[in-house]
C-alpha cells in the first residue's frame, strides 16, 4: 500500500500540494478555440479551474492508470 493510499484511508482525501507562485513552471499548449471550450467545460464539471483540471487529469488519472 502506498503512502498516498494510506493517507486517503486515514483522512478521506489525498494531501494537497502547495505551489509557490514565484517558482512555478508553466507549460503552454496550443489548442483550438473548440478544444479550449471543451477543456473549460470539463474543468467546470469537475469543479476545478483549467490549470488544476489539466494537472489532475495528467497526474491523477493518466499516470496512476499508466503505472498500474
C-alpha atoms as a PDB file:
ATOM      1  CA  UNK A   1       0.000   0.000   0.000  1.00  0.00           C
ATOM      2  CA  UNK A   2       1.416   3.375  -0.992  1.00  0.00           C
ATOM      3  CA  UNK A   3       1.715   6.397   1.265  1.00  0.00           C
ATOM      4  CA  UNK A   4      -0.976   8.126  -0.790  1.00  0.00           C
ATOM      5  CA  UNK A   5      -3.402   5.220  -0.268  1.00  0.00           C
ATOM      6  CA  UNK A   6      -2.736   5.220   3.493  1.00  0.00           C
ATOM      7  CA  UNK A   7      -3.316   8.978   3.680  1.00  0.00           C
ATOM      8  CA  UNK A   8      -6.586   8.643   1.757  1.00  0.00           C
ATOM      9  CA  UNK A   9      -7.820   5.898   4.100  1.00  0.00           C
ATOM     10  CA  UNK A  10      -6.948   7.957   7.186  1.00  0.00           C
ATOM     11  CA  UNK A  11      -8.150  11.383   6.066  1.00  0.00           C
ATOM     12  CA  UNK A  12     -10.533  10.644   3.196  1.00  0.00           C
ATOM     13  CA  UNK A  13      -8.538  12.622   0.628  1.00  0.00           C
ATOM     14  CA  UNK A  14      -5.052  12.898  -0.791  1.00  0.00           C
ATOM     15  CA  UNK A  15      -2.675  15.516   0.639  1.00  0.00           C
ATOM     16  CA  UNK A  16      -2.935  18.854  -1.145  1.00  0.00           C
ATOM     17  CA  UNK A  17       0.164  20.211  -2.807  1.00  0.00           C
ATOM     18  CA  UNK A  18       1.075  23.835  -2.295  1.00  0.00           C
ATOM     19  CA  UNK A  19       2.527  25.569  -5.329  1.00  0.00           C
ATOM     20  CA  UNK A  20       4.828  28.546  -4.889  1.00  0.00           C
ATOM     21  CA  UNK A  21       3.700  31.151  -7.441  1.00  0.00           C
ATOM     22  CA  UNK A  22       7.220  32.544  -7.754  1.00  0.00           C
ATOM     23  CA  UNK A  23       8.781  29.159  -8.511  1.00  0.00           C
ATOM     24  CA  UNK A  24       6.056  27.518 -10.564  1.00  0.00           C
ATOM     25  CA  UNK A  25       6.845  26.317 -14.039  1.00  0.00           C
ATOM     26  CA  UNK A  26       4.236  26.620 -16.746  1.00  0.00           C
ATOM     27  CA  UNK A  27       3.798  24.624 -19.907  1.00  0.00           C
ATOM     28  CA  UNK A  28       1.876  26.246 -22.729  1.00  0.00           C
ATOM     29  CA  UNK A  29      -0.036  24.022 -25.108  1.00  0.00           C
ATOM     30  CA  UNK A  30      -1.602  25.165 -28.359  1.00  0.00           C
ATOM     31  CA  UNK A  31      -5.268  24.236 -28.670  1.00  0.00           C
ATOM     32  CA  UNK A  32      -8.041  25.327 -30.981  1.00  0.00           C
ATOM     33  CA  UNK A  33     -10.866  27.502 -29.687  1.00  0.00           C
ATOM     34  CA  UNK A  34     -13.160  24.459 -29.715  1.00  0.00           C
ATOM     35  CA  UNK A  35     -10.656  22.348 -27.732  1.00  0.00           C
ATOM     36  CA  UNK A  36     -10.247  25.180 -25.228  1.00  0.00           C
ATOM     37  CA  UNK A  37     -14.011  25.359 -24.706  1.00  0.00           C
ATOM     38  CA  UNK A  38     -14.184  21.593 -24.175  1.00  0.00           C
ATOM     39  CA  UNK A  39     -11.379  21.716 -21.591  1.00  0.00           C
ATOM     40  CA  UNK A  40     -13.085  24.597 -19.768  1.00  0.00           C
ATOM     41  CA  UNK A  41     -16.441  22.756 -19.720  1.00  0.00           C
ATOM     42  CA  UNK A  42     -14.847  19.546 -18.453  1.00  0.00           C
ATOM     43  CA  UNK A  43     -12.995  21.513 -15.771  1.00  0.00           C
ATOM     44  CA  UNK A  44     -16.271  23.081 -14.612  1.00  0.00           C
ATOM     45  CA  UNK A  45     -17.830  19.597 -14.410  1.00  0.00           C
ATOM     46  CA  UNK A  46     -15.028  18.607 -12.023  1.00  0.00           C
ATOM     47  CA  UNK A  47     -15.347  21.928 -10.105  1.00  0.00           C
ATOM     48  CA  UNK A  48     -11.765  22.853 -10.984  1.00  0.00           C
ATOM     49  CA  UNK A  49     -10.114  25.673 -12.872  1.00  0.00           C
ATOM     50  CA  UNK A  50      -8.495  24.653 -16.150  1.00  0.00           C
ATOM     51  CA  UNK A  51      -4.965  24.558 -14.739  1.00  0.00           C
ATOM     52  CA  UNK A  52      -5.909  22.269 -11.853  1.00  0.00           C
ATOM     53  CA  UNK A  53      -8.086  20.163 -14.150  1.00  0.00           C
ATOM     54  CA  UNK A  54      -5.226  19.502 -16.568  1.00  0.00           C
ATOM     55  CA  UNK A  55      -2.868  18.768 -13.651  1.00  0.00           C
ATOM     56  CA  UNK A  56      -5.467  16.397 -12.114  1.00  0.00           C
ATOM     57  CA  UNK A  57      -6.031  14.715 -15.464  1.00  0.00           C
ATOM     58  CA  UNK A  58      -2.338  14.114 -16.103  1.00  0.00           C
ATOM     59  CA  UNK A  59      -1.118  13.253 -12.619  1.00  0.00           C
ATOM     60  CA  UNK A  60      -4.286  11.904 -11.031  1.00  0.00           C
ATOM     61  CA  UNK A  61      -5.688   9.872 -13.864  1.00  0.00           C
ATOM     62  CA  UNK A  62      -3.230   9.194 -16.663  1.00  0.00           C
ATOM     63  CA  UNK A  63      -0.085   8.496 -14.664  1.00  0.00           C
ATOM     64  CA  UNK A  64      -1.893   6.457 -11.975  1.00  0.00           C
ATOM     65  CA  UNK A  65      -3.645   4.354 -14.625  1.00  0.00           C
ATOM     66  CA  UNK A  66      -0.486   4.080 -16.730  1.00  0.00           C
ATOM     67  CA  UNK A  67       1.665   2.932 -13.794  1.00  0.00           C
ATOM     68  CA  UNK A  68      -0.933   0.389 -12.631  1.00  0.00           C
END
